[in-house]
Structure formats: structure tokens, C-alpha cells
């Protein structure tokens, strides 16, 4: 029984960490977008970047990997 409780606590902690990491990633992406805005990126490009980063997050794909696929790197 105590093993089950420990597993539940570990799973809960992992979920909390995953949520926090998603929040951190989102803030970092916002900073990156601001950085791109300073490089005079068009509104269409910014919207596409935001859409792609959101889609990557929702699908659990690291943004760095997604950027390689779409040619941002």
C-alpha cells in the first residue's frame, strides 16, 4: 500500500514539474518572439511562429527540435 502512495506522489510531482516546465518554456518563447520583433519580423511571421510553438508544446515536441524541422535554425 505504501508503494502505491509513493508512486502516486511521484506521479503528482512529475505532473507539477511538467506544468512548471511548460510555463517556463512559454515565457522563454515569448522572450524569443520579442527578440524576433526587434529584428523586424513581419506580423505574419510572428503569428506563424506563435502558432508553431504552441502546436509543438501541445504535442510534447521540444521547441528546439520543431525549429529544426521548420527551418528556423
PDB file of N, CA and C in Angstrom:
ATOM      1  N   UNK A   1       0.824  -1.201   0.000  1.00  0.00           N
ATOM      2  CA  UNK A   1       0.000   0.000   0.000  1.00  0.00           C
ATOM      3  C   UNK A   1       0.859   1.253   0.000  1.00  0.00           C
ATOM      4  N   UNK A   2       1.927   1.276   0.795  1.00  0.00           N
ATOM      5  CA  UNK A   2       2.766   2.466   0.848  1.00  0.00           C
ATOM      6  C   UNK A   2       3.490   2.705  -0.467  1.00  0.00           C
ATOM      7  N   UNK A   3       3.790   1.628  -1.217  1.00  0.00           N
ATOM      8  CA  UNK A   3       4.411   1.802  -2.528  1.00  0.00           C
ATOM      9  C   UNK A   3       3.469   2.531  -3.473  1.00  0.00           C
ATOM     10  N   UNK A   4       2.192   2.211  -3.392  1.00  0.00           N
ATOM     11  CA  UNK A   4       1.199   2.862  -4.236  1.00  0.00           C
ATOM     12  C   UNK A   4       1.112   4.345  -3.925  1.00  0.00           C
ATOM     13  N   UNK A   5       1.145   4.680  -2.650  1.00  0.00           N
ATOM     14  CA  UNK A   5       1.103   6.087  -2.249  1.00  0.00           C
ATOM     15  C   UNK A   5       2.339   6.805  -2.761  1.00  0.00           C
ATOM     16  N   UNK A   6       3.499   6.173  -2.636  1.00  0.00           N
ATOM     17  CA  UNK A   6       4.734   6.791  -3.112  1.00  0.00           C
ATOM     18  C   UNK A   6       4.690   7.008  -4.618  1.00  0.00           C
ATOM     19  N   UNK A   7       4.168   6.031  -5.345  1.00  0.00           N
ATOM     20  CA  UNK A   7       4.053   6.167  -6.801  1.00  0.00           C
ATOM     21  C   UNK A   7       3.114   7.313  -7.146  1.00  0.00           C
ATOM     22  N   UNK A   8       1.998   7.401  -6.432  1.00  0.00           N
ATOM     23  CA  UNK A   8       1.048   8.490  -6.676  1.00  0.00           C
ATOM     24  C   UNK A   8       1.694   9.849  -6.410  1.00  0.00           C
ATOM     25  N   UNK A   9       2.477   9.932  -5.339  1.00  0.00           N
ATOM     26  CA  UNK A   9       3.150  11.193  -5.017  1.00  0.00           C
ATOM     27  C   UNK A   9       4.180  11.541  -6.083  1.00  0.00           C
ATOM     28  N   UNK A  10       4.917  10.548  -6.545  1.00  0.00           N
ATOM     29  CA  UNK A  10       5.920  10.780  -7.587  1.00  0.00           C
ATOM     30  C   UNK A  10       5.241  11.232  -8.873  1.00  0.00           C
ATOM     31  N   UNK A  11       4.166  10.565  -9.259  1.00  0.00           N
ATOM     32  CA  UNK A  11       3.437  10.956 -10.472  1.00  0.00           C
ATOM     33  C   UNK A  11       2.905  12.374 -10.368  1.00  0.00           C
ATOM     34  N   UNK A  12       2.358  12.720  -9.200  1.00  0.00           N
ATOM     35  CA  UNK A  12       1.847  14.075  -8.994  1.00  0.00           C
ATOM     36  C   UNK A  12       2.973  15.092  -9.115  1.00  0.00           C
ATOM     37  N   UNK A  13       4.127  14.782  -8.501  1.00  0.00           N
ATOM     38  CA  UNK A  13       5.271  15.683  -8.577  1.00  0.00           C
ATOM     39  C   UNK A  13       5.754  15.854 -10.009  1.00  0.00           C
ATOM     40  N   UNK A  14       5.765  14.770 -10.771  1.00  0.00           N
ATOM     41  CA  UNK A  14       6.177  14.842 -12.177  1.00  0.00           C
ATOM     42  C   UNK A  14       5.216  15.720 -12.968  1.00  0.00           C
ATOM     43  N   UNK A  15       3.923  15.564 -12.715  1.00  0.00           N
ATOM     44  CA  UNK A  15       2.931  16.387 -13.409  1.00  0.00           C
ATOM     45  C   UNK A  15       3.122  17.863 -13.073  1.00  0.00           C
ATOM     46  N   UNK A  16       3.387  18.154 -11.805  1.00  0.00           N
ATOM     47  CA  UNK A  16       3.618  19.544 -11.399  1.00  0.00           C
ATOM     48  C   UNK A  16       4.877  20.099 -12.060  1.00  0.00           C
ATOM     49  N   UNK A  17       5.925  19.290 -12.105  1.00  0.00           N
ATOM     50  CA  UNK A  17       7.166  19.734 -12.758  1.00  0.00           C
ATOM     51  C   UNK A  17       6.947  19.971 -14.240  1.00  0.00           C
ATOM     52  N   UNK A  18       6.194  19.070 -14.882  1.00  0.00           N
ATOM     53  CA  UNK A  18       5.924  19.202 -16.310  1.00  0.00           C
ATOM     54  C   UNK A  18       5.153  20.494 -16.579  1.00  0.00           C
ATOM     55  N   UNK A  19       4.172  20.788 -15.716  1.00  0.00           N
ATOM     56  CA  UNK A  19       3.384  22.019 -15.867  1.00  0.00           C
ATOM     57  C   UNK A  19       4.285  23.242 -15.711  1.00  0.00           C
ATOM     58  N   UNK A  20       5.149  23.216 -14.707  1.00  0.00           N
ATOM     59  CA  UNK A  20       6.049  24.345 -14.480  1.00  0.00           C
ATOM     60  C   UNK A  20       7.015  24.513 -15.650  1.00  0.00           C
ATOM     61  N   UNK A  21       7.540  23.401 -16.160  1.00  0.00           N
ATOM     62  CA  UNK A  21       8.432  23.472 -17.321  1.00  0.00           C
ATOM     63  C   UNK A  21       7.713  24.058 -18.533  1.00  0.00           C
ATOM     64  N   UNK A  22       6.447  23.687 -18.731  1.00  0.00           N
ATOM     65  CA  UNK A  22       5.666  24.257 -19.832  1.00  0.00           C
ATOM     66  C   UNK A  22       5.518  25.770 -19.661  1.00  0.00           C
ATOM     67  N   UNK A  23       5.273  26.209 -18.427  1.00  0.00           N
ATOM     68  CA  UNK A  23       5.144  27.647 -18.162  1.00  0.00           C
ATOM     69  C   UNK A  23       6.461  28.366 -18.444  1.00  0.00           C
ATOM     70  N   UNK A  24       7.562  27.768 -18.018  1.00  0.00           N
ATOM     71  CA  UNK A  24       8.879  28.362 -18.261  1.00  0.00           C
ATOM     72  C   UNK A  24       9.162  28.421 -19.756  1.00  0.00           C
ATOM     73  N   UNK A  25       8.852  27.324 -20.461  1.00  0.00           N
ATOM     74  CA  UNK A  25       9.077  27.294 -21.906  1.00  0.00           C
ATOM     75  C   UNK A  25       8.250  28.374 -22.603  1.00  0.00           C
ATOM     76  N   UNK A  26       7.015  28.550 -22.168  1.00  0.00           N
ATOM     77  CA  UNK A  26       6.155  29.564 -22.774  1.00  0.00           C
ATOM     78  C   UNK A  26       6.733  30.966 -22.570  1.00  0.00           C
ATOM     79  N   UNK A  27       7.229  31.242 -21.368  1.00  0.00           N
ATOM     80  CA  UNK A  27       7.835  32.551 -21.098  1.00  0.00           C
ATOM     81  C   UNK A  27       9.094  32.755 -21.944  1.00  0.00           C
ATOM     82  N   UNK A  28       9.899  31.720 -22.072  1.00  0.00           N
ATOM     83  CA  UNK A  28      11.099  31.821 -22.902  1.00  0.00           C
ATOM     84  C   UNK A  28      10.737  32.059 -24.362  1.00  0.00           C
ATOM     85  N   UNK A  29       9.688  31.412 -24.830  1.00  0.00           N
ATOM     86  CA  UNK A  29       9.257  31.624 -26.209  1.00  0.00           C
ATOM     87  C   UNK A  29       8.756  33.046 -26.416  1.00  0.00           C
ATOM     88  N   UNK A  30       8.073  33.582 -25.415  1.00  0.00           N
ATOM     89  CA  UNK A  30       7.628  34.980 -25.513  1.00  0.00           C
ATOM     90  C   UNK A  30       8.833  35.912 -25.616  1.00  0.00           C
ATOM     91  N   UNK A  31       9.876  35.616 -24.827  1.00  0.00           N
ATOM     92  CA  UNK A  31      11.098  36.418 -24.916  1.00  0.00           C
ATOM     93  C   UNK A  31      11.726  36.302 -26.292  1.00  0.00           C
ATOM     94  N   UNK A  32      11.746  35.095 -26.833  1.00  0.00           N
ATOM     95  CA  UNK A  32      12.313  34.870 -28.160  1.00  0.00           C
ATOM     96  C   UNK A  32      11.512  35.625 -29.208  1.00  0.00           C
ATOM     97  N   UNK A  33      10.199  35.619 -29.071  1.00  0.00           N
ATOM     98  CA  UNK A  33       9.354  36.337 -30.026  1.00  0.00           C
ATOM     99  C   UNK A  33       9.634  37.828 -29.964  1.00  0.00           C
ATOM    100  N   UNK A  34       9.784  38.353 -28.739  1.00  0.00           N
ATOM    101  CA  UNK A  34      10.130  39.776 -28.600  1.00  0.00           C
ATOM    102  C   UNK A  34      11.468  40.074 -29.257  1.00  0.00           C
ATOM    103  N   UNK A  35      12.396  39.155 -29.094  1.00  0.00           N
ATOM    104  CA  UNK A  35      13.712  39.307 -29.713  1.00  0.00           C
ATOM    105  C   UNK A  35      13.567  39.343 -31.235  1.00  0.00           C
ATOM    106  N   UNK A  36      12.721  38.486 -31.771  1.00  0.00           N
ATOM    107  CA  UNK A  36      12.493  38.464 -33.212  1.00  0.00           C
ATOM    108  C   UNK A  36      11.799  39.736 -33.680  1.00  0.00           C
ATOM    109  N   UNK A  37      10.903  40.262 -32.857  1.00  0.00           N
ATOM    110  CA  UNK A  37      10.225  41.502 -33.213  1.00  0.00           C
ATOM    111  C   UNK A  37      11.239  42.626 -33.400  1.00  0.00           C
ATOM    112  N   UNK A  38      12.267  42.607 -32.566  1.00  0.00           N
ATOM    113  CA  UNK A  38      13.295  43.627 -32.678  1.00  0.00           C
ATOM    114  C   UNK A  38      14.078  43.484 -33.980  1.00  0.00           C
ATOM    115  N   UNK A  39      14.062  42.294 -34.548  1.00  0.00           N
ATOM    116  CA  UNK A  39      14.744  42.052 -35.819  1.00  0.00           C
ATOM    117  C   UNK A  39      13.825  42.369 -37.002  1.00  0.00           C
ATOM    118  N   UNK A  40      12.720  43.044 -36.739  1.00  0.00           N
ATOM    119  CA  UNK A  40      11.768  43.477 -37.749  1.00  0.00           C
ATOM    120  C   UNK A  40      11.176  42.314 -38.535  1.00  0.00           C
ATOM    121  N   UNK A  41      10.613  41.384 -37.817  1.00  0.00           N
ATOM    122  CA  UNK A  41       9.902  40.272 -38.420  1.00  0.00           C
ATOM    123  C   UNK A  41       8.477  40.735 -38.706  1.00  0.00           C
ATOM    124  N   UNK A  42       7.915  40.270 -39.797  1.00  0.00           N
ATOM    125  CA  UNK A  42       6.548  40.678 -40.132  1.00  0.00           C
ATOM    126  C   UNK A  42       5.557  40.073 -39.150  1.00  0.00           C
ATOM    127  N   UNK A  43       4.381  40.683 -39.071  1.00  0.00           N
ATOM    128  CA  UNK A  43       3.321  40.169 -38.197  1.00  0.00           C
ATOM    129  C   UNK A  43       2.923  38.749 -38.588  1.00  0.00           C
ATOM    130  N   UNK A  44       2.898  38.473 -39.877  1.00  0.00           N
ATOM    131  CA  UNK A  44       2.557  37.130 -40.349  1.00  0.00           C
ATOM    132  C   UNK A  44       3.577  36.111 -39.849  1.00  0.00           C
ATOM    133  N   UNK A  45       4.857  36.470 -39.902  1.00  0.00           N
ATOM    134  CA  UNK A  45       5.904  35.565 -39.425  1.00  0.00           C
ATOM    135  C   UNK A  45       5.788  35.332 -37.922  1.00  0.00           C
ATOM    136  N   UNK A  46       5.472  36.394 -37.171  1.00  0.00           N
ATOM    137  CA  UNK A  46       5.296  36.249 -35.729  1.00  0.00           C
ATOM    138  C   UNK A  46       4.107  35.358 -35.395  1.00  0.00           C
ATOM    139  N   UNK A  47       3.011  35.553 -36.108  1.00  0.00           N
ATOM    140  CA  UNK A  47       1.829  34.728 -35.872  1.00  0.00           C
ATOM    141  C   UNK A  47       2.127  33.262 -36.181  1.00  0.00           C
ATOM    142  N   UNK A  48       2.844  33.027 -37.252  1.00  0.00           N
ATOM    143  CA  UNK A  48       3.215  31.660 -37.629  1.00  0.00           C
ATOM    144  C   UNK A  48       4.131  31.050 -36.575  1.00  0.00           C
ATOM    145  N   UNK A  49       5.076  31.828 -36.085  1.00  0.00           N
ATOM    146  CA  UNK A  49       5.987  31.357 -35.045  1.00  0.00           C
ATOM    147  C   UNK A  49       5.220  31.013 -33.774  1.00  0.00           C
ATOM    148  N   UNK A  50       4.298  31.866 -33.377  1.00  0.00           N
ATOM    149  CA  UNK A  50       3.483  31.597 -32.192  1.00  0.00           C
ATOM    150  C   UNK A  50       2.638  30.346 -32.373  1.00  0.00           C
ATOM    151  N   UNK A  51       2.049  30.198 -33.557  1.00  0.00           N
ATOM    152  CA  UNK A  51       1.221  29.022 -33.839  1.00  0.00           C
ATOM    153  C   UNK A  51       2.058  27.746 -33.777  1.00  0.00           C
ATOM    154  N   UNK A  52       3.227  27.780 -34.396  1.00  0.00           N
ATOM    155  CA  UNK A  52       4.091  26.606 -34.411  1.00  0.00           C
ATOM    156  C   UNK A  52       4.600  26.253 -33.018  1.00  0.00           C
ATOM    157  N   UNK A  53       4.973  27.263 -32.235  1.00  0.00           N
ATOM    158  CA  UNK A  53       5.481  26.976 -30.898  1.00  0.00           C
ATOM    159  C   UNK A  53       4.375  26.398 -30.017  1.00  0.00           C
ATOM    160  N   UNK A  54       3.159  26.917 -30.155  1.00  0.00           N
ATOM    161  CA  UNK A  54       2.030  26.390 -29.382  1.00  0.00           C
ATOM    162  C   UNK A  54       1.730  24.958 -29.805  1.00  0.00           C
ATOM    163  N   UNK A  55       1.721  24.715 -31.091  1.00  0.00           N
ATOM    164  CA  UNK A  55       1.460  23.367 -31.594  1.00  0.00           C
ATOM    165  C   UNK A  55       2.525  22.384 -31.109  1.00  0.00           C
ATOM    166  N   UNK A  56       3.771  22.811 -31.120  1.00  0.00           N
ATOM    167  CA  UNK A  56       4.860  21.953 -30.647  1.00  0.00           C
ATOM    168  C   UNK A  56       4.667  21.621 -29.172  1.00  0.00           C
ATOM    169  N   UNK A  57       4.371  22.627 -28.356  1.00  0.00           N
ATOM    170  CA  UNK A  57       4.145  22.397 -26.923  1.00  0.00           C
ATOM    171  C   UNK A  57       2.992  21.432 -26.688  1.00  0.00           C
ATOM    172  N   UNK A  58       1.899  21.641 -27.410  1.00  0.00           N
ATOM    173  CA  UNK A  58       0.721  20.798 -27.229  1.00  0.00           C
ATOM    174  C   UNK A  58       1.002  19.347 -27.597  1.00  0.00           C
ATOM    175  N   UNK A  59       1.915  19.136 -28.535  1.00  0.00           N
ATOM    176  CA  UNK A  59       2.243  17.783 -28.967  1.00  0.00           C
ATOM    177  C   UNK A  59       3.457  17.208 -28.250  1.00  0.00           C
ATOM    178  N   UNK A  60       3.959  17.941 -27.261  1.00  0.00           N
ATOM    179  CA  UNK A  60       5.086  17.448 -26.487  1.00  0.00           C
ATOM    180  C   UNK A  60       6.399  17.423 -27.251  1.00  0.00           C
ATOM    181  N   UNK A  61       6.506  18.238 -28.290  1.00  0.00           N
ATOM    182  CA  UNK A  61       7.728  18.298 -29.088  1.00  0.00           C
ATOM    183  C   UNK A  61       8.578  19.447 -28.569  1.00  0.00           C
ATOM    184  N   UNK A  62       9.837  19.171 -28.229  1.00  0.00           N
ATOM    185  CA  UNK A  62      10.709  20.272 -27.790  1.00  0.00           C
ATOM    186  C   UNK A  62      10.807  21.330 -28.896  1.00  0.00           C
ATOM    187  N   UNK A  63      10.707  22.586 -28.523  1.00  0.00           N
ATOM    188  CA  UNK A  63      10.700  23.669 -29.499  1.00  0.00           C
ATOM    189  C   UNK A  63      11.987  23.683 -30.320  1.00  0.00           C
ATOM    190  N   UNK A  64      13.113  23.355 -29.709  1.00  0.00           N
ATOM    191  CA  UNK A  64      14.373  23.333 -30.452  1.00  0.00           C
ATOM    192  C   UNK A  64      14.301  22.322 -31.595  1.00  0.00           C
ATOM    193  N   UNK A  65      13.696  21.177 -31.357  1.00  0.00           N
ATOM    194  CA  UNK A  65      13.539  20.163 -32.408  1.00  0.00           C
ATOM    195  C   UNK A  65      12.580  20.649 -33.492  1.00  0.00           C
ATOM    196  N   UNK A  66      11.476  21.268 -33.054  1.00  0.00           N
ATOM    197  CA  UNK A  66      10.497  21.768 -34.013  1.00  0.00           C
ATOM    198  C   UNK A  66      11.108  22.844 -34.914  1.00  0.00           C
ATOM    199  N   UNK A  67      11.944  23.704 -34.348  1.00  0.00           N
ATOM    200  CA  UNK A  67      12.580  24.764 -35.147  1.00  0.00           C
ATOM    201  C   UNK A  67      13.459  24.163 -36.238  1.00  0.00           C
ATOM    202  N   UNK A  68      14.145  23.078 -35.909  1.00  0.00           N
ATOM    203  CA  UNK A  68      14.999  22.425 -36.912  1.00  0.00           C
ATOM    204  C   UNK A  68      14.153  21.914 -38.072  1.00  0.00           C
ATOM    205  N   UNK A  69      12.991  21.349 -37.751  1.00  0.00           N
ATOM    206  CA  UNK A  69      12.124  20.784 -38.774  1.00  0.00           C
ATOM    207  C   UNK A  69      11.591  21.864 -39.696  1.00  0.00           C
ATOM    208  N   UNK A  70      11.209  23.014 -39.134  1.00  0.00           N
ATOM    209  CA  UNK A  70      10.619  24.077 -39.956  1.00  0.00           C
ATOM    210  C   UNK A  70      11.642  25.053 -40.504  1.00  0.00           C
ATOM    211  N   UNK A  71      12.908  24.838 -40.164  1.00  0.00           N
ATOM    212  CA  UNK A  71      13.964  25.651 -40.763  1.00  0.00           C
ATOM    213  C   UNK A  71      14.276  26.943 -40.070  1.00  0.00           C
ATOM    214  N   UNK A  72      13.969  27.080 -38.770  1.00  0.00           N
ATOM    215  CA  UNK A  72      14.312  28.296 -38.041  1.00  0.00           C
ATOM    216  C   UNK A  72      15.767  28.290 -37.596  1.00  0.00           C
ATOM    217  N   UNK A  73      16.423  27.126 -37.636  1.00  0.00           N
ATOM    218  CA  UNK A  73      17.826  27.046 -37.233  1.00  0.00           C
ATOM    219  C   UNK A  73      18.711  26.758 -38.409  1.00  0.00           C
TER     220      UNK A  73
END
